[in-house]
Amino acid sequence: MTSDELLKKVDFKKGGGLVPVVVQDAATKEVLMVAYANAEALEKTLTTGYAHYWSRSRGKLWMKGETSGHTQKIQGVFADCDYDTLLYLVEQTGPACHTGNYTCFHNKIER
């Protein structure tokens, strides 16, 4: 599927203009983070080759690593069966989490 075809198929309406993006390390398959993208963020991701997201708290587009240098180079983009969730396979530079941890999923819950 081409980038243009993907942009037309993703169901941004269902999530009020946003879709969740699961971000996974392309080499280790470790889940790094979950973020959100609007159509503009997805388009920028596809055209630049680096992950862009929509910040719900700041209300603006942002490129992962634009201030920290901890960029996410896109290795693959996948859509789920309903085209309402995306998966980015990335080459992560530095930690993905704003806390300094490599992954945002570092809080293990004991049963």
PDB file of N, CA and C in Angstrom:
ATOM      1  N   MET A   1       0.850  -1.171   0.000  1.00  0.00           N
ATOM      2  CA  MET A   1       0.000   0.000   0.000  1.00  0.00           C
ATOM      3  C   MET A   1       0.902   1.242   0.000  1.00  0.00           C
ATOM      4  N   THR A   2       0.542   2.226  -0.773  1.00  0.00           N
ATOM      5  CA  THR A   2       1.328   3.455  -0.826  1.00  0.00           C
ATOM      6  C   THR A   2       0.974   4.372   0.336  1.00  0.00           C
ATOM      7  N   SER A   3       1.797   5.371   0.557  1.00  0.00           N
ATOM      8  CA  SER A   3       1.538   6.365   1.608  1.00  0.00           C
ATOM      9  C   SER A   3       0.217   7.083   1.371  1.00  0.00           C
ATOM     10  N   ASP A   4      -0.054   7.446   0.123  1.00  0.00           N
ATOM     11  CA  ASP A   4      -1.308   8.136  -0.199  1.00  0.00           C
ATOM     12  C   ASP A   4      -2.522   7.252   0.082  1.00  0.00           C
ATOM     13  N   GLU A   5      -2.410   5.979  -0.253  1.00  0.00           N
ATOM     14  CA  GLU A   5      -3.512   5.049   0.006  1.00  0.00           C
ATOM     15  C   GLU A   5      -3.748   4.897   1.503  1.00  0.00           C
ATOM     16  N   LEU A   6      -2.661   4.809   2.265  1.00  0.00           N
ATOM     17  CA  LEU A   6      -2.797   4.693   3.720  1.00  0.00           C
ATOM     18  C   LEU A   6      -3.475   5.919   4.298  1.00  0.00           C
ATOM     19  N   LEU A   7      -3.051   7.101   3.892  1.00  0.00           N
ATOM     20  CA  LEU A   7      -3.646   8.344   4.404  1.00  0.00           C
ATOM     21  C   LEU A   7      -5.148   8.395   4.136  1.00  0.00           C
ATOM     22  N   LYS A   8      -5.584   7.862   3.013  1.00  0.00           N
ATOM     23  CA  LYS A   8      -7.013   7.860   2.672  1.00  0.00           C
ATOM     24  C   LYS A   8      -7.797   6.821   3.473  1.00  0.00           C
ATOM     25  N   LYS A   9      -7.134   5.728   3.867  1.00  0.00           N
ATOM     26  CA  LYS A   9      -7.838   4.642   4.546  1.00  0.00           C
ATOM     27  C   LYS A   9      -7.908   4.783   6.065  1.00  0.00           C
ATOM     28  N   VAL A  10      -6.949   5.473   6.668  1.00  0.00           N
ATOM     29  CA  VAL A  10      -6.935   5.569   8.135  1.00  0.00           C
ATOM     30  C   VAL A  10      -8.190   6.300   8.617  1.00  0.00           C
ATOM     31  N   ASP A  11      -8.849   5.717   9.613  1.00  0.00           N
ATOM     32  CA  ASP A  11     -10.105   6.256  10.142  1.00  0.00           C
ATOM     33  C   ASP A  11      -9.832   7.223  11.300  1.00  0.00           C
ATOM     34  N   PHE A  12      -9.539   8.462  10.951  1.00  0.00           N
ATOM     35  CA  PHE A  12      -9.285   9.486  11.959  1.00  0.00           C
ATOM     36  C   PHE A  12     -10.578   9.943  12.632  1.00  0.00           C
ATOM     37  N   LYS A  13     -11.713   9.794  11.954  1.00  0.00           N
ATOM     38  CA  LYS A  13     -12.998  10.266  12.494  1.00  0.00           C
ATOM     39  C   LYS A  13     -13.375   9.548  13.784  1.00  0.00           C
ATOM     40  N   LYS A  14     -13.114   8.250  13.840  1.00  0.00           N
ATOM     41  CA  LYS A  14     -13.518   7.438  14.988  1.00  0.00           C
ATOM     42  C   LYS A  14     -12.935   7.973  16.297  1.00  0.00           C
ATOM     43  N   GLY A  15     -11.716   8.484  16.249  1.00  0.00           N
ATOM     44  CA  GLY A  15     -11.048   8.987  17.446  1.00  0.00           C
ATOM     45  C   GLY A  15     -11.020  10.503  17.525  1.00  0.00           C
ATOM     46  N   GLY A  16     -11.989  11.150  16.895  1.00  0.00           N
ATOM     47  CA  GLY A  16     -12.050  12.605  16.969  1.00  0.00           C
ATOM     48  C   GLY A  16     -10.884  13.294  16.269  1.00  0.00           C
ATOM     49  N   GLY A  17     -10.389  12.674  15.203  1.00  0.00           N
ATOM     50  CA  GLY A  17      -9.290  13.254  14.445  1.00  0.00           C
ATOM     51  C   GLY A  17      -7.931  12.665  14.767  1.00  0.00           C
ATOM     52  N   LEU A  18      -7.898  11.754  15.755  1.00  0.00           N
ATOM     53  CA  LEU A  18      -6.633  11.138  16.169  1.00  0.00           C
ATOM     54  C   LEU A  18      -6.735   9.621  16.126  1.00  0.00           C
ATOM     55  N   VAL A  19      -5.593   8.981  15.893  1.00  0.00           N
ATOM     56  CA  VAL A  19      -5.500   7.524  16.025  1.00  0.00           C
ATOM     57  C   VAL A  19      -4.342   7.215  16.965  1.00  0.00           C
ATOM     58  N   PRO A  20      -4.474   6.169  17.791  1.00  0.00           N
ATOM     59  CA  PRO A  20      -3.346   5.756  18.617  1.00  0.00           C
ATOM     60  C   PRO A  20      -2.247   5.148  17.751  1.00  0.00           C
ATOM     61  N   VAL A  21      -1.009   5.365  18.179  1.00  0.00           N
ATOM     62  CA  VAL A  21       0.151   4.803  17.501  1.00  0.00           C
ATOM     63  C   VAL A  21       0.969   4.020  18.523  1.00  0.00           C
ATOM     64  N   VAL A  22       1.078   2.725  18.317  1.00  0.00           N
ATOM     65  CA  VAL A  22       1.941   1.878  19.136  1.00  0.00           C
ATOM     66  C   VAL A  22       3.324   1.930  18.491  1.00  0.00           C
ATOM     67  N   VAL A  23       4.341   2.208  19.299  1.00  0.00           N
ATOM     68  CA  VAL A  23       5.697   2.345  18.776  1.00  0.00           C
ATOM     69  C   VAL A  23       6.550   1.203  19.306  1.00  0.00           C
ATOM     70  N   GLN A  24       7.176   0.486  18.392  1.00  0.00           N
ATOM     71  CA  GLN A  24       7.925  -0.713  18.737  1.00  0.00           C
ATOM     72  C   GLN A  24       9.334  -0.613  18.150  1.00  0.00           C
ATOM     73  N   ASP A  25      10.315  -1.046  18.928  1.00  0.00           N
ATOM     74  CA  ASP A  25      11.695  -1.108  18.458  1.00  0.00           C
ATOM     75  C   ASP A  25      11.769  -2.147  17.339  1.00  0.00           C
ATOM     76  N   ALA A  26      12.241  -1.749  16.174  1.00  0.00           N
ATOM     77  CA  ALA A  26      12.273  -2.648  15.018  1.00  0.00           C
ATOM     78  C   ALA A  26      13.192  -3.840  15.241  1.00  0.00           C
ATOM     79  N   ALA A  27      14.263  -3.666  16.001  1.00  0.00           N
ATOM     80  CA  ALA A  27      15.228  -4.749  16.204  1.00  0.00           C
ATOM     81  C   ALA A  27      14.808  -5.703  17.311  1.00  0.00           C
ATOM     82  N   THR A  28      14.396  -5.159  18.467  1.00  0.00           N
ATOM     83  CA  THR A  28      14.106  -6.006  19.631  1.00  0.00           C
ATOM     84  C   THR A  28      12.633  -6.360  19.767  1.00  0.00           C
ATOM     85  N   LYS A  29      11.778  -5.624  19.071  1.00  0.00           N
ATOM     86  CA  LYS A  29      10.303  -5.755  19.140  1.00  0.00           C
ATOM     87  C   LYS A  29       9.740  -5.289  20.480  1.00  0.00           C
ATOM     88  N   GLU A  30      10.539  -4.633  21.299  1.00  0.00           N
ATOM     89  CA  GLU A  30      10.065  -4.086  22.570  1.00  0.00           C
ATOM     90  C   GLU A  30       9.128  -2.907  22.285  1.00  0.00           C
ATOM     91  N   VAL A  31       7.997  -2.859  22.999  1.00  0.00           N
ATOM     92  CA  VAL A  31       7.079  -1.724  22.869  1.00  0.00           C
ATOM     93  C   VAL A  31       7.695  -0.546  23.611  1.00  0.00           C
ATOM     94  N   LEU A  32       7.851   0.562  22.908  1.00  0.00           N
ATOM     95  CA  LEU A  32       8.516   1.730  23.478  1.00  0.00           C
ATOM     96  C   LEU A  32       7.546   2.750  24.051  1.00  0.00           C
ATOM     97  N   MET A  33       6.446   2.983  23.362  1.00  0.00           N
ATOM     98  CA  MET A  33       5.517   4.024  23.794  1.00  0.00           C
ATOM     99  C   MET A  33       4.227   3.917  22.993  1.00  0.00           C
ATOM    100  N   VAL A  34       3.235   4.670  23.427  1.00  0.00           N
ATOM    101  CA  VAL A  34       1.990   4.858  22.684  1.00  0.00           C
ATOM    102  C   VAL A  34       1.776   6.360  22.587  1.00  0.00           C
ATOM    103  N   ALA A  35       1.469   6.812  21.392  1.00  0.00           N
ATOM    104  CA  ALA A  35       1.223   8.236  21.171  1.00  0.00           C
ATOM    105  C   ALA A  35       0.020   8.352  20.233  1.00  0.00           C
ATOM    106  N   TYR A  36      -0.250   9.563  19.776  1.00  0.00           N
ATOM    107  CA  TYR A  36      -1.383   9.792  18.886  1.00  0.00           C
ATOM    108  C   TYR A  36      -0.933  10.549  17.651  1.00  0.00           C
ATOM    109  N   ALA A  37      -1.610  10.261  16.539  1.00  0.00           N
ATOM    110  CA  ALA A  37      -1.313  10.971  15.295  1.00  0.00           C
ATOM    111  C   ALA A  37      -2.612  11.467  14.681  1.00  0.00           C
ATOM    112  N   ASN A  38      -2.536  12.653  14.091  1.00  0.00           N
ATOM    113  CA  ASN A  38      -3.612  13.118  13.228  1.00  0.00           C
ATOM    114  C   ASN A  38      -3.125  12.935  11.794  1.00  0.00           C
ATOM    115  N   ALA A  39      -3.906  13.348  10.823  1.00  0.00           N
ATOM    116  CA  ALA A  39      -3.527  13.147   9.423  1.00  0.00           C
ATOM    117  C   ALA A  39      -2.226  13.862   9.089  1.00  0.00           C
ATOM    118  N   GLU A  40      -2.043  15.068   9.613  1.00  0.00           N
ATOM    119  CA  GLU A  40      -0.816  15.820   9.337  1.00  0.00           C
ATOM    120  C   GLU A  40       0.410  15.111   9.916  1.00  0.00           C
ATOM    121  N   ALA A  41       0.299  14.588  11.126  1.00  0.00           N
ATOM    122  CA  ALA A  41       1.418  13.886  11.752  1.00  0.00           C
ATOM    123  C   ALA A  41       1.775  12.634  10.961  1.00  0.00           C
ATOM    124  N   LEU A  42       0.774  11.894  10.516  1.00  0.00           N
ATOM    125  CA  LEU A  42       1.032  10.694   9.731  1.00  0.00           C
ATOM    126  C   LEU A  42       1.688  11.064   8.400  1.00  0.00           C
ATOM    127  N   GLU A  43       1.189  12.103   7.771  1.00  0.00           N
ATOM    128  CA  GLU A  43       1.769  12.537   6.493  1.00  0.00           C
ATOM    129  C   GLU A  43       3.234  12.931   6.667  1.00  0.00           C
ATOM    130  N   LYS A  44       3.544  13.687   7.716  1.00  0.00           N
ATOM    131  CA  LYS A  44       4.932  14.086   7.977  1.00  0.00           C
ATOM    132  C   LYS A  44       5.809  12.877   8.283  1.00  0.00           C
ATOM    133  N   THR A  45       5.267  11.926   9.028  1.00  0.00           N
ATOM    134  CA  THR A  45       6.002  10.696   9.320  1.00  0.00           C
ATOM    135  C   THR A  45       6.358   9.979   8.028  1.00  0.00           C
ATOM    136  N   LEU A  46       5.387   9.853   7.148  1.00  0.00           N
ATOM    137  CA  LEU A  46       5.590   9.124   5.905  1.00  0.00           C
ATOM    138  C   LEU A  46       6.526   9.856   4.947  1.00  0.00           C
ATOM    139  N   THR A  47       6.504  11.180   4.961  1.00  0.00           N
ATOM    140  CA  THR A  47       7.341  11.935   4.019  1.00  0.00           C
ATOM    141  C   THR A  47       8.758  12.159   4.531  1.00  0.00           C
ATOM    142  N   THR A  48       8.932  12.290   5.857  1.00  0.00           N
ATOM    143  CA  THR A  48      10.273  12.569   6.393  1.00  0.00           C
ATOM    144  C   THR A  48      11.023  11.308   6.805  1.00  0.00           C
ATOM    145  N   GLY A  49      10.282  10.246   7.120  1.00  0.00           N
ATOM    146  CA  GLY A  49      10.918   9.024   7.608  1.00  0.00           C
ATOM    147  C   GLY A  49      11.206   9.048   9.099  1.00  0.00           C
ATOM    148  N   TYR A  50      10.716  10.073   9.790  1.00  0.00           N
ATOM    149  CA  TYR A  50      10.871  10.185  11.250  1.00  0.00           C
ATOM    150  C   TYR A  50       9.501  10.362  11.885  1.00  0.00           C
ATOM    151  N   ALA A  51       9.324   9.787  13.070  1.00  0.00           N
ATOM    152  CA  ALA A  51       8.026   9.774  13.731  1.00  0.00           C
ATOM    153  C   ALA A  51       7.592  11.168  14.175  1.00  0.00           C
ATOM    154  N   HIS A  52       6.385  11.525  13.763  1.00  0.00           N
ATOM    155  CA  HIS A  52       5.715  12.763  14.173  1.00  0.00           C
ATOM    156  C   HIS A  52       4.402  12.380  14.836  1.00  0.00           C
ATOM    157  N   TYR A  53       4.010  13.151  15.822  1.00  0.00           N
ATOM    158  CA  TYR A  53       2.797  12.867  16.583  1.00  0.00           C
ATOM    159  C   TYR A  53       2.019  14.149  16.829  1.00  0.00           C
ATOM    160  N   TRP A  54       0.784  13.969  17.330  1.00  0.00           N
ATOM    161  CA  TRP A  54      -0.021  15.089  17.772  1.00  0.00           C
ATOM    162  C   TRP A  54      -0.012  15.080  19.296  1.00  0.00           C
ATOM    163  N   SER A  55       0.442  16.167  19.893  1.00  0.00           N
ATOM    164  CA  SER A  55       0.456  16.277  21.344  1.00  0.00           C
ATOM    165  C   SER A  55      -0.917  16.722  21.820  1.00  0.00           C
ATOM    166  N   ARG A  56      -1.596  15.869  22.564  1.00  0.00           N
ATOM    167  CA  ARG A  56      -2.912  16.227  23.103  1.00  0.00           C
ATOM    168  C   ARG A  56      -2.792  17.281  24.182  1.00  0.00           C
ATOM    169  N   SER A  57      -1.711  17.263  24.959  1.00  0.00           N
ATOM    170  CA  SER A  57      -1.563  18.234  26.053  1.00  0.00           C
ATOM    171  C   SER A  57      -1.130  19.612  25.542  1.00  0.00           C
ATOM    172  N   ARG A  58      -0.283  19.641  24.537  1.00  0.00           N
ATOM    173  CA  ARG A  58       0.188  20.920  23.995  1.00  0.00           C
ATOM    174  C   ARG A  58      -0.646  21.407  22.822  1.00  0.00           C
ATOM    175  N   GLY A  59      -1.468  20.513  22.266  1.00  0.00           N
ATOM    176  CA  GLY A  59      -2.318  20.879  21.140  1.00  0.00           C
ATOM    177  C   GLY A  59      -1.535  21.248  19.893  1.00  0.00           C
ATOM    178  N   LYS A  60      -0.448  20.488  19.637  1.00  0.00           N
ATOM    179  CA  LYS A  60       0.346  20.788  18.438  1.00  0.00           C
ATOM    180  C   LYS A  60       1.083  19.556  17.945  1.00  0.00           C
ATOM    181  N   LEU A  61       1.513  19.662  16.702  1.00  0.00           N
ATOM    182  CA  LEU A  61       2.308  18.621  16.074  1.00  0.00           C
ATOM    183  C   LEU A  61       3.717  18.640  16.639  1.00  0.00           C
ATOM    184  N   TRP A  62       4.323  17.466  16.810  1.00  0.00           N
ATOM    185  CA  TRP A  62       5.715  17.411  17.260  1.00  0.00           C
ATOM    186  C   TRP A  62       6.432  16.216  16.659  1.00  0.00           C
ATOM    187  N   MET A  63       7.716  16.372  16.435  1.00  0.00           N
ATOM    188  CA  MET A  63       8.553  15.282  15.970  1.00  0.00           C
ATOM    189  C   MET A  63       9.273  14.709  17.182  1.00  0.00           C
ATOM    190  N   LYS A  64       9.196  13.402  17.357  1.00  0.00           N
ATOM    191  CA  LYS A  64       9.887  12.752  18.475  1.00  0.00           C
ATOM    192  C   LYS A  64      11.377  13.049  18.366  1.00  0.00           C
ATOM    193  N   GLY A  65      11.932  13.629  19.420  1.00  0.00           N
ATOM    194  CA  GLY A  65      13.352  13.936  19.463  1.00  0.00           C
ATOM    195  C   GLY A  65      13.730  15.316  18.970  1.00  0.00           C
ATOM    196  N   GLU A  66      12.724  16.152  18.639  1.00  0.00           N
ATOM    197  CA  GLU A  66      13.051  17.479  18.113  1.00  0.00           C
ATOM    198  C   GLU A  66      13.815  18.341  19.115  1.00  0.00           C
ATOM    199  N   THR A  67      13.616  18.114  20.403  1.00  0.00           N
ATOM    200  CA  THR A  67      14.390  18.863  21.398  1.00  0.00           C
ATOM    201  C   THR A  67      15.411  17.984  22.108  1.00  0.00           C
ATOM    202  N   SER A  68      15.096  16.706  22.315  1.00  0.00           N
ATOM    203  CA  SER A  68      15.994  15.806  23.057  1.00  0.00           C
ATOM    204  C   SER A  68      17.046  15.139  22.181  1.00  0.00           C
ATOM    205  N   GLY A  69      16.770  15.038  20.888  1.00  0.00           N
ATOM    206  CA  GLY A  69      17.654  14.297  20.002  1.00  0.00           C
ATOM    207  C   GLY A  69      17.356  12.806  19.972  1.00  0.00           C
ATOM    208  N   HIS A  70      16.367  12.373  20.740  1.00  0.00           N
ATOM    209  CA  HIS A  70      16.003  10.954  20.827  1.00  0.00           C
ATOM    210  C   HIS A  70      14.970  10.620  19.748  1.00  0.00           C
ATOM    211  N   THR A  71      15.428  10.607  18.519  1.00  0.00           N
ATOM    212  CA  THR A  71      14.550  10.450  17.366  1.00  0.00           C
ATOM    213  C   THR A  71      14.123   9.009  17.146  1.00  0.00           C
ATOM    214  N   GLN A  72      13.084   8.873  16.339  1.00  0.00           N
ATOM    215  CA  GLN A  72      12.579   7.566  15.936  1.00  0.00           C
ATOM    216  C   GLN A  72      12.554   7.514  14.417  1.00  0.00           C
ATOM    217  N   LYS A  73      13.522   6.803  13.847  1.00  0.00           N
ATOM    218  CA  LYS A  73      13.586   6.632  12.397  1.00  0.00           C
ATOM    219  C   LYS A  73      12.660   5.482  12.020  1.00  0.00           C
ATOM    220  N   ILE A  74      11.746   5.759  11.128  1.00  0.00           N
ATOM    221  CA  ILE A  74      10.729   4.785  10.743  1.00  0.00           C
ATOM    222  C   ILE A  74      11.338   3.654   9.916  1.00  0.00           C
ATOM    223  N   GLN A  75      11.070   2.424  10.360  1.00  0.00           N
ATOM    224  CA  GLN A  75      11.480   1.233   9.626  1.00  0.00           C
ATOM    225  C   GLN A  75      10.281   0.550   8.973  1.00  0.00           C
ATOM    226  N   GLY A  76       9.088   0.827   9.492  1.00  0.00           N
ATOM    227  CA  GLY A  76       7.863   0.261   8.937  1.00  0.00           C
ATOM    228  C   GLY A  76       6.648   0.900   9.573  1.00  0.00           C
ATOM    229  N   VAL A  77       5.567   0.994   8.815  1.00  0.00           N
ATOM    230  CA  VAL A  77       4.293   1.509   9.315  1.00  0.00           C
ATOM    231  C   VAL A  77       3.225   0.491   8.949  1.00  0.00           C
ATOM    232  N   PHE A  78       2.434   0.110   9.940  1.00  0.00           N
ATOM    233  CA  PHE A  78       1.368  -0.862   9.750  1.00  0.00           C
ATOM    234  C   PHE A  78       0.065  -0.294  10.316  1.00  0.00           C
ATOM    235  N   ALA A  79      -1.046  -0.670   9.699  1.00  0.00           N
ATOM    236  CA  ALA A  79      -2.369  -0.312  10.204  1.00  0.00           C
ATOM    237  C   ALA A  79      -3.063  -1.588  10.657  1.00  0.00           C
ATOM    238  N   ASP A  80      -3.904  -1.453  11.692  1.00  0.00           N
ATOM    239  CA  ASP A  80      -4.664  -2.620  12.129  1.00  0.00           C
ATOM    240  C   ASP A  80      -5.796  -2.893  11.139  1.00  0.00           C
ATOM    241  N   CYS A  81      -6.564  -3.940  11.399  1.00  0.00           N
ATOM    242  CA  CYS A  81      -7.606  -4.395  10.476  1.00  0.00           C
ATOM    243  C   CYS A  81      -8.700  -3.352  10.232  1.00  0.00           C
ATOM    244  N   ASP A  82      -8.938  -2.471  11.193  1.00  0.00           N
ATOM    245  CA  ASP A  82      -9.976  -1.439  11.059  1.00  0.00           C
ATOM    246  C   ASP A  82      -9.409  -0.096  10.596  1.00  0.00           C
ATOM    247  N   TYR A  83      -8.116  -0.017  10.436  1.00  0.00           N
ATOM    248  CA  TYR A  83      -7.437   1.227  10.050  1.00  0.00           C
ATOM    249  C   TYR A  83      -7.703   2.360  11.033  1.00  0.00           C
ATOM    250  N   ASP A  84      -7.798   2.001  12.338  1.00  0.00           N
ATOM    251  CA  ASP A  84      -7.993   3.039  13.355  1.00  0.00           C
ATOM    252  C   ASP A  84      -6.894   3.029  14.417  1.00  0.00           C
ATOM    253  N   THR A  85      -5.859   2.228  14.203  1.00  0.00           N
ATOM    254  CA  THR A  85      -4.685   2.190  15.069  1.00  0.00           C
ATOM    255  C   THR A  85      -3.477   1.896  14.186  1.00  0.00           C
ATOM    256  N   LEU A  86      -2.360   2.564  14.496  1.00  0.00           N
ATOM    257  CA  LEU A  86      -1.142   2.362  13.723  1.00  0.00           C
ATOM    258  C   LEU A  86      -0.055   1.749  14.577  1.00  0.00           C
ATOM    259  N   LEU A  87       0.868   1.072  13.918  1.00  0.00           N
ATOM    260  CA  LEU A  87       2.058   0.527  14.545  1.00  0.00           C
ATOM    261  C   LEU A  87       3.254   1.070  13.774  1.00  0.00           C
ATOM    262  N   TYR A  88       4.161   1.745  14.505  1.00  0.00           N
ATOM    263  CA  TYR A  88       5.408   2.205  13.903  1.00  0.00           C
ATOM    264  C   TYR A  88       6.530   1.305  14.407  1.00  0.00           C
ATOM    265  N   LEU A  89       7.274   0.728  13.489  1.00  0.00           N
ATOM    266  CA  LEU A  89       8.516   0.044  13.827  1.00  0.00           C
ATOM    267  C   LEU A  89       9.617   1.070  13.624  1.00  0.00           C
ATOM    268  N   VAL A  90      10.414   1.302  14.665  1.00  0.00           N
ATOM    269  CA  VAL A  90      11.379   2.398  14.615  1.00  0.00           C
ATOM    270  C   VAL A  90      12.775   1.963  15.022  1.00  0.00           C
ATOM    271  N   GLU A  91      13.727   2.744  14.573  1.00  0.00           N
ATOM    272  CA  GLU A  91      15.098   2.685  15.078  1.00  0.00           C
ATOM    273  C   GLU A  91      15.194   3.839  16.068  1.00  0.00           C
ATOM    274  N   GLN A  92      15.205   3.495  17.347  1.00  0.00           N
ATOM    275  CA  GLN A  92      15.168   4.491  18.422  1.00  0.00           C
ATOM    276  C   GLN A  92      16.578   4.977  18.738  1.00  0.00           C
ATOM    277  N   THR A  93      16.747   6.298  18.792  1.00  0.00           N
ATOM    278  CA  THR A  93      18.003   6.904  19.232  1.00  0.00           C
ATOM    279  C   THR A  93      17.811   7.380  20.659  1.00  0.00           C
ATOM    280  N   GLY A  94      18.540   6.805  21.613  1.00  0.00           N
ATOM    281  CA  GLY A  94      18.390   7.184  23.012  1.00  0.00           C
ATOM    282  C   GLY A  94      17.100   6.644  23.589  1.00  0.00           C
ATOM    283  N   PRO A  95      16.721   7.136  24.774  1.00  0.00           N
ATOM    284  CA  PRO A  95      15.489   6.649  25.402  1.00  0.00           C
ATOM    285  C   PRO A  95      14.243   7.182  24.705  1.00  0.00           C
ATOM    286  N   ALA A  96      13.196   6.371  24.707  1.00  0.00           N
ATOM    287  CA  ALA A  96      11.914   6.795  24.142  1.00  0.00           C
ATOM    288  C   ALA A  96      11.090   7.569  25.165  1.00  0.00           C
ATOM    289  N   CYS A  97      11.269   7.254  26.439  1.00  0.00           N
ATOM    290  CA  CYS A  97      10.445   7.842  27.497  1.00  0.00           C
ATOM    291  C   CYS A  97      11.025   9.161  27.997  1.00  0.00           C
ATOM    292  N   HIS A  98      10.146  10.098  28.314  1.00  0.00           N
ATOM    293  CA  HIS A  98      10.588  11.398  28.838  1.00  0.00           C
ATOM    294  C   HIS A  98      11.237  11.275  30.218  1.00  0.00           C
ATOM    295  N   THR A  99      11.071  10.110  30.880  1.00  0.00           N
ATOM    296  CA  THR A  99      11.694   9.900  32.200  1.00  0.00           C
ATOM    297  C   THR A  99      13.149   9.480  32.083  1.00  0.00           C
ATOM    298  N   GLY A 100      13.591   9.195  30.850  1.00  0.00           N
ATOM    299  CA  GLY A 100      14.955   8.729  30.639  1.00  0.00           C
ATOM    300  C   GLY A 100      15.062   7.223  30.485  1.00  0.00           C
ATOM    301  N   ASN A 101      13.951   6.507  30.693  1.00  0.00           N
ATOM    302  CA  ASN A 101      13.936   5.062  30.471  1.00  0.00           C
ATOM    303  C   ASN A 101      13.838   4.782  28.977  1.00  0.00           C
ATOM    304  N   TYR A 102      14.400   3.658  28.568  1.00  0.00           N
ATOM    305  CA  TYR A 102      14.374   3.316  27.144  1.00  0.00           C
ATOM    306  C   TYR A 102      12.950   3.165  26.637  1.00  0.00           C
ATOM    307  N   THR A 103      12.079   2.563  27.448  1.00  0.00           N
ATOM    308  CA  THR A 103      10.679   2.379  27.091  1.00  0.00           C
ATOM    309  C   THR A 103       9.794   3.066  28.124  1.00  0.00           C
ATOM    310  N   CYS A 104       8.635   3.501  27.686  1.00  0.00           N
ATOM    311  CA  CYS A 104       7.659   4.073  28.630  1.00  0.00           C
ATOM    312  C   CYS A 104       7.028   2.974  29.489  1.00  0.00           C
ATOM    313  N   PHE A 105       7.157   1.725  29.061  1.00  0.00           N
ATOM    314  CA  PHE A 105       6.549   0.605  29.770  1.00  0.00           C
ATOM    315  C   PHE A 105       7.570  -0.066  30.688  1.00  0.00           C
ATOM    316  N   HIS A 106       8.032   0.693  31.659  1.00  0.00           N
ATOM    317  CA  HIS A 106       9.031   0.188  32.600  1.00  0.00           C
ATOM    318  C   HIS A 106       8.462  -0.052  34.005  1.00  0.00           C
ATOM    319  N   ASN A 107       7.201   0.217  34.206  1.00  0.00           N
ATOM    320  CA  ASN A 107       6.549   0.019  35.513  1.00  0.00           C
ATOM    321  C   ASN A 107       5.867  -1.347  35.557  1.00  0.00           C
ATOM    322  N   LYS A 108       6.588  -2.343  36.043  1.00  0.00           N
ATOM    323  CA  LYS A 108       6.042  -3.697  36.105  1.00  0.00           C
ATOM    324  C   LYS A 108       5.060  -3.808  37.260  1.00  0.00           C
ATOM    325  N   ILE A 109       3.898  -4.370  36.975  1.00  0.00           N
ATOM    326  CA  ILE A 109       2.868  -4.560  37.988  1.00  0.00           C
ATOM    327  C   ILE A 109       2.921  -6.008  38.445  1.00  0.00           C
ATOM    328  N   GLU A 110       3.105  -6.206  39.734  1.00  0.00           N
ATOM    329  CA  GLU A 110       3.164  -7.558  40.297  1.00  0.00           C
ATOM    330  C   GLU A 110       1.753  -8.065  40.550  1.00  0.00           C
ATOM    331  N   ARG A 111       1.534  -9.347  40.314  1.00  0.00           N
ATOM    332  CA  ARG A 111       0.206  -9.938  40.547  1.00  0.00           C
ATOM    333  C   ARG A 111       0.183 -10.628  41.892  1.00  0.00           C
TER     334      ARG A 111
END
